Amino acid sequence: MDIAKFEKARADLQREQPEDVEVPSVQFTIDLGHAPNPLAMLDIVGCPAHVHLHGAVPITETNRLQSIRDKYGIGDDVLRGLEEPPGEIQHLPPQDGQHDLGRMVDTLDSSGYGGPVVLELAPPFRTSETLRKSVDALRTAGW
């Protein structure tokens, strides 16, 4: 991601505007659940404007996936439908994913982030109990 190119494009656009019109700086929505390395992504972008968050687990981690099936009472076929990109199960509750939720929260806090966090959950996890546990996990992680 070449942030300098975005900023140059913004500056070019600003020069074309009347004096009383300000073109806002480039801002980013970060989808930490799909990032192969969310901490590296945050290092590059700095403070995002908006965060999407969910857990992800490689399909090779069969024990972890079985634990998630057991925890939520769902079958094999349900998780298979959540494979995106190939080889990774996506849109799990963030506390069940492979990335360290505490480190992500700490990195966002250090960047000065104070915006919304969208929990992007697959249908079998869209329950009030799962939402409560996810919010509790975020609070435990430092939010």
N, C-alpha and C. Protein backbone atom coordinates (compact mmCIF):
# COMPACT_ATOMS: atom_id res chain seq x y z
N MET A 1 0.86 -1.16 0.00
CA MET A 1 0.00 0.00 0.00
C MET A 1 0.90 1.23 0.00
N ASP A 2 0.70 2.08 -0.98
CA ASP A 2 1.53 3.27 -1.11
C ASP A 2 0.74 4.50 -0.66
N ILE A 3 0.83 4.79 0.63
CA ILE A 3 0.06 5.90 1.21
C ILE A 3 0.49 7.22 0.59
N ALA A 4 1.76 7.35 0.26
CA ALA A 4 2.24 8.59 -0.34
C ALA A 4 1.50 8.89 -1.65
N LYS A 5 1.18 7.86 -2.42
CA LYS A 5 0.43 8.07 -3.67
C LYS A 5 -0.97 8.60 -3.38
N PHE A 6 -1.61 8.08 -2.34
CA PHE A 6 -2.93 8.57 -1.97
C PHE A 6 -2.87 10.03 -1.55
N GLU A 7 -1.88 10.35 -0.75
CA GLU A 7 -1.74 11.74 -0.28
C GLU A 7 -1.42 12.69 -1.43
N LYS A 8 -0.61 12.23 -2.39
CA LYS A 8 -0.30 13.06 -3.55
C LYS A 8 -1.57 13.30 -4.37
N ALA A 9 -2.37 12.26 -4.56
CA ALA A 9 -3.62 12.39 -5.31
C ALA A 9 -4.55 13.38 -4.60
N ARG A 10 -4.60 13.32 -3.26
CA ARG A 10 -5.42 14.25 -2.50
C ARG A 10 -4.92 15.69 -2.69
N ALA A 11 -3.61 15.87 -2.63
CA ALA A 11 -3.03 17.20 -2.80
C ALA A 11 -3.31 17.74 -4.21
N ASP A 12 -3.20 16.87 -5.21
CA ASP A 12 -3.50 17.28 -6.59
C ASP A 12 -4.96 17.71 -6.71
N LEU A 13 -5.84 16.93 -6.12
CA LEU A 13 -7.26 17.26 -6.15
C LEU A 13 -7.54 18.57 -5.41
N GLN A 14 -6.85 18.77 -4.28
CA GLN A 14 -7.05 19.99 -3.50
C GLN A 14 -6.68 21.24 -4.33
N ARG A 15 -5.61 21.14 -5.10
CA ARG A 15 -5.19 22.28 -5.92
C ARG A 15 -6.25 22.67 -6.95
N GLU A 16 -7.08 21.72 -7.34
CA GLU A 16 -8.11 21.98 -8.35
C GLU A 16 -9.38 22.59 -7.75
N GLN A 17 -9.46 22.68 -6.42
CA GLN A 17 -10.67 23.14 -5.74
C GLN A 17 -10.62 24.65 -5.47
N PRO A 18 -11.80 25.27 -5.35
CA PRO A 18 -11.82 26.66 -4.89
C PRO A 18 -11.22 26.73 -3.48
N GLU A 19 -10.77 27.91 -3.08
CA GLU A 19 -10.10 28.08 -1.77
C GLU A 19 -10.95 27.63 -0.59
N ASP A 20 -12.27 27.76 -0.69
CA ASP A 20 -13.14 27.45 0.45
C ASP A 20 -13.53 25.97 0.53
N VAL A 21 -13.01 25.14 -0.37
CA VAL A 21 -13.32 23.71 -0.36
C VAL A 21 -12.07 22.94 0.06
N GLU A 22 -12.22 22.12 1.11
CA GLU A 22 -11.08 21.31 1.55
C GLU A 22 -11.33 19.84 1.28
N VAL A 23 -10.40 19.20 0.62
CA VAL A 23 -10.47 17.77 0.36
C VAL A 23 -9.87 17.07 1.58
N PRO A 24 -10.64 16.18 2.22
CA PRO A 24 -10.12 15.53 3.43
C PRO A 24 -8.94 14.61 3.11
N SER A 25 -8.15 14.33 4.13
CA SER A 25 -7.03 13.41 3.95
C SER A 25 -7.56 12.01 3.70
N VAL A 26 -6.71 11.17 3.19
CA VAL A 26 -7.07 9.78 2.93
C VAL A 26 -7.23 9.06 4.26
N GLN A 27 -8.32 8.32 4.39
CA GLN A 27 -8.55 7.53 5.59
C GLN A 27 -8.83 6.10 5.17
N PHE A 28 -8.58 5.17 6.06
CA PHE A 28 -8.69 3.76 5.72
C PHE A 28 -9.62 3.02 6.66
N THR A 29 -10.37 2.08 6.08
CA THR A 29 -11.07 1.06 6.84
C THR A 29 -10.16 -0.15 6.85
N ILE A 30 -9.86 -0.65 8.01
CA ILE A 30 -8.97 -1.80 8.15
C ILE A 30 -9.82 -3.01 8.50
N ASP A 31 -9.70 -4.07 7.69
CA ASP A 31 -10.38 -5.33 7.97
C ASP A 31 -9.34 -6.27 8.56
N LEU A 32 -9.20 -6.22 9.87
CA LEU A 32 -8.17 -6.99 10.55
C LEU A 32 -8.39 -8.49 10.46
N GLY A 33 -9.62 -8.91 10.30
CA GLY A 33 -9.90 -10.35 10.21
C GLY A 33 -9.33 -10.97 8.96
N HIS A 34 -9.30 -10.23 7.87
CA HIS A 34 -8.79 -10.78 6.60
C HIS A 34 -7.29 -10.53 6.42
N ALA A 35 -6.68 -9.75 7.29
CA ALA A 35 -5.26 -9.43 7.14
C ALA A 35 -4.41 -10.63 7.55
N PRO A 36 -3.49 -11.06 6.69
CA PRO A 36 -2.61 -12.16 7.08
C PRO A 36 -1.75 -11.79 8.29
N ASN A 37 -1.41 -10.51 8.39
CA ASN A 37 -0.64 -10.02 9.53
C ASN A 37 -1.23 -8.67 9.95
N PRO A 38 -2.26 -8.69 10.81
CA PRO A 38 -2.95 -7.44 11.15
C PRO A 38 -2.05 -6.40 11.82
N LEU A 39 -1.07 -6.82 12.60
CA LEU A 39 -0.20 -5.85 13.26
C LEU A 39 0.68 -5.12 12.24
N ALA A 40 1.17 -5.84 11.24
CA ALA A 40 1.96 -5.20 10.19
C ALA A 40 1.09 -4.22 9.40
N MET A 41 -0.17 -4.60 9.15
CA MET A 41 -1.08 -3.71 8.43
C MET A 41 -1.30 -2.43 9.23
N LEU A 42 -1.49 -2.56 10.52
CA LEU A 42 -1.68 -1.37 11.36
C LEU A 42 -0.43 -0.50 11.40
N ASP A 43 0.74 -1.14 11.39
CA ASP A 43 1.98 -0.36 11.36
C ASP A 43 2.08 0.48 10.11
N ILE A 44 1.63 -0.05 8.98
CA ILE A 44 1.71 0.67 7.71
C ILE A 44 0.71 1.81 7.67
N VAL A 45 -0.52 1.54 8.07
CA VAL A 45 -1.60 2.51 7.94
C VAL A 45 -1.59 3.55 9.07
N GLY A 46 -1.16 3.16 10.24
CA GLY A 46 -1.24 4.07 11.38
C GLY A 46 -2.63 4.01 11.98
N CYS A 47 -3.22 5.16 12.20
CA CYS A 47 -4.54 5.23 12.81
C CYS A 47 -5.62 5.14 11.73
N PRO A 48 -6.39 4.05 11.69
CA PRO A 48 -7.44 3.92 10.69
C PRO A 48 -8.66 4.77 11.04
N ALA A 49 -9.57 4.91 10.08
CA ALA A 49 -10.82 5.63 10.31
C ALA A 49 -11.90 4.69 10.83
N HIS A 50 -11.76 3.39 10.53
CA HIS A 50 -12.82 2.43 10.79
C HIS A 50 -12.19 1.05 10.86
N VAL A 51 -12.67 0.18 11.75
CA VAL A 51 -12.10 -1.16 11.91
C VAL A 51 -13.18 -2.22 11.78
N HIS A 52 -12.91 -3.22 10.94
CA HIS A 52 -13.71 -4.44 10.88
C HIS A 52 -12.90 -5.51 11.60
N LEU A 53 -13.55 -6.31 12.39
CA LEU A 53 -12.84 -7.30 13.20
C LEU A 53 -13.62 -8.60 13.24
N HIS A 54 -12.91 -9.66 13.00
CA HIS A 54 -13.45 -11.01 13.20
C HIS A 54 -12.28 -11.97 13.33
N GLY A 55 -12.57 -13.17 13.78
CA GLY A 55 -11.53 -14.18 13.91
C GLY A 55 -11.40 -14.98 12.62
N ALA A 56 -10.22 -15.55 12.43
CA ALA A 56 -9.94 -16.42 11.30
C ALA A 56 -9.01 -17.53 11.78
N VAL A 57 -9.18 -18.72 11.20
CA VAL A 57 -8.36 -19.87 11.57
C VAL A 57 -8.05 -20.66 10.30
N PRO A 58 -6.78 -21.03 10.08
CA PRO A 58 -6.45 -21.87 8.92
C PRO A 58 -7.16 -23.23 9.03
N ILE A 59 -7.57 -23.77 7.90
CA ILE A 59 -8.28 -25.05 7.93
C ILE A 59 -7.38 -26.19 8.39
N THR A 60 -6.09 -25.97 8.39
CA THR A 60 -5.16 -27.00 8.86
C THR A 60 -5.16 -27.13 10.37
N GLU A 61 -5.71 -26.17 11.08
CA GLU A 61 -5.77 -26.23 12.55
C GLU A 61 -7.04 -26.97 12.97
N THR A 62 -7.05 -28.26 12.70
CA THR A 62 -8.25 -29.07 12.89
C THR A 62 -8.70 -29.14 14.35
N ASN A 63 -7.75 -29.19 15.29
CA ASN A 63 -8.14 -29.25 16.71
C ASN A 63 -8.83 -27.97 17.14
N ARG A 64 -8.29 -26.83 16.72
CA ARG A 64 -8.90 -25.54 17.06
C ARG A 64 -10.29 -25.44 16.44
N LEU A 65 -10.43 -25.85 15.19
CA LEU A 65 -11.74 -25.78 14.53
C LEU A 65 -12.75 -26.71 15.20
N GLN A 66 -12.30 -27.89 15.62
CA GLN A 66 -13.21 -28.79 16.34
C GLN A 66 -13.64 -28.18 17.66
N SER A 67 -12.72 -27.51 18.32
CA SER A 67 -13.05 -26.83 19.58
C SER A 67 -14.11 -25.75 19.35
N ILE A 68 -14.00 -25.01 18.25
CA ILE A 68 -14.99 -23.97 17.92
C ILE A 68 -16.34 -24.61 17.62
N ARG A 69 -16.34 -25.72 16.86
CA ARG A 69 -17.60 -26.43 16.58
C ARG A 69 -18.26 -26.87 17.88
N ASP A 70 -17.47 -27.44 18.77
CA ASP A 70 -18.01 -27.92 20.05
C ASP A 70 -18.52 -26.75 20.90
N LYS A 71 -17.76 -25.69 20.97
CA LYS A 71 -18.11 -24.53 21.79
C LYS A 71 -19.44 -23.92 21.37
N TYR A 72 -19.68 -23.85 20.04
CA TYR A 72 -20.89 -23.20 19.53
C TYR A 72 -21.96 -24.19 19.07
N GLY A 73 -21.70 -25.48 19.19
CA GLY A 73 -22.69 -26.49 18.81
C GLY A 73 -23.04 -26.48 17.33
N ILE A 74 -22.03 -26.35 16.49
CA ILE A 74 -22.28 -26.31 15.04
C ILE A 74 -21.56 -27.47 14.36
N GLY A 75 -22.06 -27.85 13.19
CA GLY A 75 -21.50 -28.98 12.46
C GLY A 75 -20.37 -28.61 11.53
N ASP A 76 -19.73 -29.66 11.03
CA ASP A 76 -18.63 -29.51 10.06
C ASP A 76 -19.00 -28.67 8.86
N ASP A 77 -20.17 -28.95 8.32
CA ASP A 77 -20.61 -28.28 7.09
C ASP A 77 -20.76 -26.77 7.25
N VAL A 78 -21.09 -26.31 8.45
CA VAL A 78 -21.29 -24.88 8.68
C VAL A 78 -19.97 -24.13 8.51
N LEU A 79 -18.90 -24.65 9.09
CA LEU A 79 -17.61 -23.98 8.97
C LEU A 79 -17.05 -24.06 7.56
N ARG A 80 -17.32 -25.15 6.86
CA ARG A 80 -16.81 -25.27 5.49
C ARG A 80 -17.31 -24.13 4.61
N GLY A 81 -18.51 -23.66 4.85
CA GLY A 81 -19.07 -22.57 4.06
C GLY A 81 -18.45 -21.21 4.34
N LEU A 82 -17.56 -21.15 5.35
CA LEU A 82 -16.95 -19.88 5.73
C LEU A 82 -15.51 -19.76 5.25
N GLU A 83 -15.11 -20.65 4.35
CA GLU A 83 -13.73 -20.65 3.87
C GLU A 83 -13.54 -19.57 2.81
N GLU A 84 -12.75 -18.58 3.16
CA GLU A 84 -12.51 -17.43 2.27
C GLU A 84 -11.35 -16.63 2.83
N PRO A 85 -10.26 -16.48 2.21
CA PRO A 85 -9.83 -17.12 0.98
C PRO A 85 -9.63 -18.61 1.22
N PRO A 86 -9.40 -19.36 0.15
CA PRO A 86 -9.21 -20.80 0.33
C PRO A 86 -8.14 -21.10 1.38
N GLY A 87 -8.48 -22.02 2.26
CA GLY A 87 -7.51 -22.42 3.28
C GLY A 87 -7.71 -21.75 4.62
N GLU A 88 -8.69 -20.84 4.73
CA GLU A 88 -8.89 -20.15 6.00
C GLU A 88 -10.39 -19.98 6.28
N ILE A 89 -10.79 -20.30 7.50
CA ILE A 89 -12.17 -20.11 7.93
C ILE A 89 -12.27 -18.70 8.51
N GLN A 90 -13.21 -17.91 7.98
CA GLN A 90 -13.34 -16.49 8.33
C GLN A 90 -14.64 -16.21 9.10
N HIS A 91 -14.75 -15.00 9.60
CA HIS A 91 -15.94 -14.45 10.25
C HIS A 91 -16.35 -15.20 11.52
N LEU A 92 -15.31 -15.65 12.23
CA LEU A 92 -15.51 -16.25 13.55
C LEU A 92 -15.51 -15.13 14.60
N PRO A 93 -16.02 -15.39 15.80
CA PRO A 93 -15.87 -14.39 16.86
C PRO A 93 -14.38 -14.06 17.03
N PRO A 94 -14.04 -12.79 17.25
CA PRO A 94 -12.63 -12.41 17.28
C PRO A 94 -11.80 -13.15 18.33
N GLN A 95 -12.41 -13.50 19.44
CA GLN A 95 -11.69 -14.20 20.50
C GLN A 95 -11.34 -15.64 20.12
N ASP A 96 -11.95 -16.16 19.05
CA ASP A 96 -11.69 -17.53 18.61
C ASP A 96 -10.71 -17.59 17.44
N GLY A 97 -10.23 -16.46 16.99
CA GLY A 97 -9.33 -16.43 15.84
C GLY A 97 -7.89 -16.69 16.23
N GLN A 98 -7.04 -16.75 15.20
CA GLN A 98 -5.63 -17.09 15.40
C GLN A 98 -4.78 -15.90 15.85
N HIS A 99 -5.27 -14.67 15.69
CA HIS A 99 -4.47 -13.50 16.03
C HIS A 99 -4.74 -13.06 17.46
N ASP A 100 -3.72 -12.48 18.07
CA ASP A 100 -3.77 -12.05 19.46
C ASP A 100 -4.62 -10.78 19.58
N LEU A 101 -5.80 -10.92 20.11
CA LEU A 101 -6.74 -9.81 20.24
C LEU A 101 -6.16 -8.69 21.11
N GLY A 102 -5.48 -9.04 22.18
CA GLY A 102 -4.89 -8.04 23.06
C GLY A 102 -3.85 -7.19 22.35
N ARG A 103 -3.03 -7.81 21.53
CA ARG A 103 -2.00 -7.05 20.79
C ARG A 103 -2.64 -6.14 19.75
N MET A 104 -3.73 -6.62 19.11
CA MET A 104 -4.41 -5.76 18.14
C MET A 104 -5.02 -4.55 18.83
N VAL A 105 -5.66 -4.76 19.97
CA VAL A 105 -6.26 -3.65 20.73
C VAL A 105 -5.17 -2.69 21.19
N ASP A 106 -4.07 -3.21 21.71
CA ASP A 106 -2.97 -2.35 22.15
C ASP A 106 -2.43 -1.51 20.99
N THR A 107 -2.27 -2.13 19.82
CA THR A 107 -1.75 -1.41 18.66
C THR A 107 -2.72 -0.33 18.20
N LEU A 108 -4.02 -0.65 18.20
CA LEU A 108 -5.02 0.37 17.84
C LEU A 108 -5.02 1.51 18.86
N ASP A 109 -4.94 1.18 20.14
CA ASP A 109 -4.88 2.22 21.17
C ASP A 109 -3.66 3.11 20.98
N SER A 110 -2.51 2.49 20.72
CA SER A 110 -1.27 3.25 20.53
C SER A 110 -1.35 4.18 19.32
N SER A 111 -2.15 3.79 18.32
CA SER A 111 -2.28 4.62 17.12
C SER A 111 -3.20 5.82 17.36
N GLY A 112 -3.93 5.79 18.50
CA GLY A 112 -4.88 6.86 18.79
C GLY A 112 -6.28 6.57 18.28
N TYR A 113 -6.52 5.33 17.85
CA TYR A 113 -7.84 4.98 17.30
C TYR A 113 -8.92 5.09 18.35
N GLY A 114 -10.01 5.75 18.01
CA GLY A 114 -11.14 5.89 18.91
C GLY A 114 -12.46 5.73 18.20
N GLY A 115 -12.42 5.14 17.01
CA GLY A 115 -13.63 5.00 16.19
C GLY A 115 -14.37 3.71 16.45
N PRO A 116 -15.32 3.41 15.57
CA PRO A 116 -16.14 2.21 15.76
C PRO A 116 -15.38 0.93 15.42
N VAL A 117 -15.83 -0.17 16.00
CA VAL A 117 -15.34 -1.50 15.67
C VAL A 117 -16.55 -2.31 15.22
N VAL A 118 -16.49 -2.78 13.99
CA VAL A 118 -17.58 -3.59 13.43
C VAL A 118 -17.19 -5.05 13.60
N LEU A 119 -18.00 -5.80 14.33
CA LEU A 119 -17.79 -7.24 14.45
C LEU A 119 -18.46 -7.91 13.26
N GLU A 120 -17.66 -8.54 12.45
CA GLU A 120 -18.13 -9.15 11.21
C GLU A 120 -18.25 -10.66 11.45
N LEU A 121 -19.45 -11.11 11.82
CA LEU A 121 -19.65 -12.50 12.22
C LEU A 121 -20.53 -13.26 11.23
N ALA A 122 -20.17 -14.51 11.00
CA ALA A 122 -20.98 -15.40 10.15
C ALA A 122 -22.28 -15.74 10.86
N PRO A 123 -23.31 -16.12 10.10
CA PRO A 123 -24.64 -16.38 10.70
C PRO A 123 -24.67 -17.28 11.93
N PRO A 124 -23.90 -18.39 12.00
CA PRO A 124 -24.04 -19.21 13.21
C PRO A 124 -23.54 -18.52 14.48
N PHE A 125 -22.82 -17.41 14.33
CA PHE A 125 -22.28 -16.71 15.49
C PHE A 125 -23.04 -15.42 15.80
N ARG A 126 -24.11 -15.16 15.07
CA ARG A 126 -24.89 -13.93 15.28
C ARG A 126 -25.97 -14.17 16.33
N THR A 127 -25.51 -14.36 17.55
CA THR A 127 -26.43 -14.56 18.67
C THR A 127 -26.10 -13.54 19.75
N SER A 128 -27.06 -13.28 20.61
CA SER A 128 -26.80 -12.32 21.69
C SER A 128 -25.71 -12.83 22.62
N GLU A 129 -25.66 -14.13 22.87
CA GLU A 129 -24.63 -14.68 23.75
C GLU A 129 -23.23 -14.51 23.14
N THR A 130 -23.10 -14.80 21.84
CA THR A 130 -21.79 -14.65 21.18
C THR A 130 -21.38 -13.18 21.14
N LEU A 131 -22.33 -12.31 20.88
CA LEU A 131 -22.03 -10.88 20.87
C LEU A 131 -21.55 -10.43 22.25
N ARG A 132 -22.23 -10.86 23.29
CA ARG A 132 -21.84 -10.50 24.66
C ARG A 132 -20.43 -11.01 24.96
N LYS A 133 -20.14 -12.25 24.58
CA LYS A 133 -18.81 -12.82 24.83
C LYS A 133 -17.73 -12.09 24.02
N SER A 134 -18.07 -11.67 22.82
CA SER A 134 -17.11 -10.94 21.98
C SER A 134 -16.82 -9.57 22.58
N VAL A 135 -17.86 -8.89 23.03
CA VAL A 135 -17.67 -7.58 23.67
C VAL A 135 -16.86 -7.76 24.95
N ASP A 136 -17.15 -8.78 25.73
CA ASP A 136 -16.37 -9.05 26.95
C ASP A 136 -14.91 -9.31 26.62
N ALA A 137 -14.66 -10.05 25.53
CA ALA A 137 -13.27 -10.35 25.12
C ALA A 137 -12.56 -9.06 24.72
N LEU A 138 -13.26 -8.16 24.03
CA LEU A 138 -12.66 -6.87 23.66
C LEU A 138 -12.34 -6.04 24.90
N ARG A 139 -13.24 -6.07 25.86
CA ARG A 139 -13.00 -5.32 27.11
C ARG A 139 -11.83 -5.91 27.87
N THR A 140 -11.76 -7.23 27.93
CA THR A 140 -10.66 -7.91 28.61
C THR A 140 -9.33 -7.59 27.90
N ALA A 141 -9.40 -7.43 26.59
CA ALA A 141 -8.20 -7.11 25.80
C ALA A 141 -7.77 -5.65 25.99
N GLY A 142 -8.62 -4.84 26.61
CA GLY A 142 -8.21 -3.47 26.89
C GLY A 142 -9.16 -2.38 26.41
N TRP A 143 -10.27 -2.75 25.80
CA TRP A 143 -11.23 -1.73 25.37
C TRP A 143 -12.37 -1.62 26.34
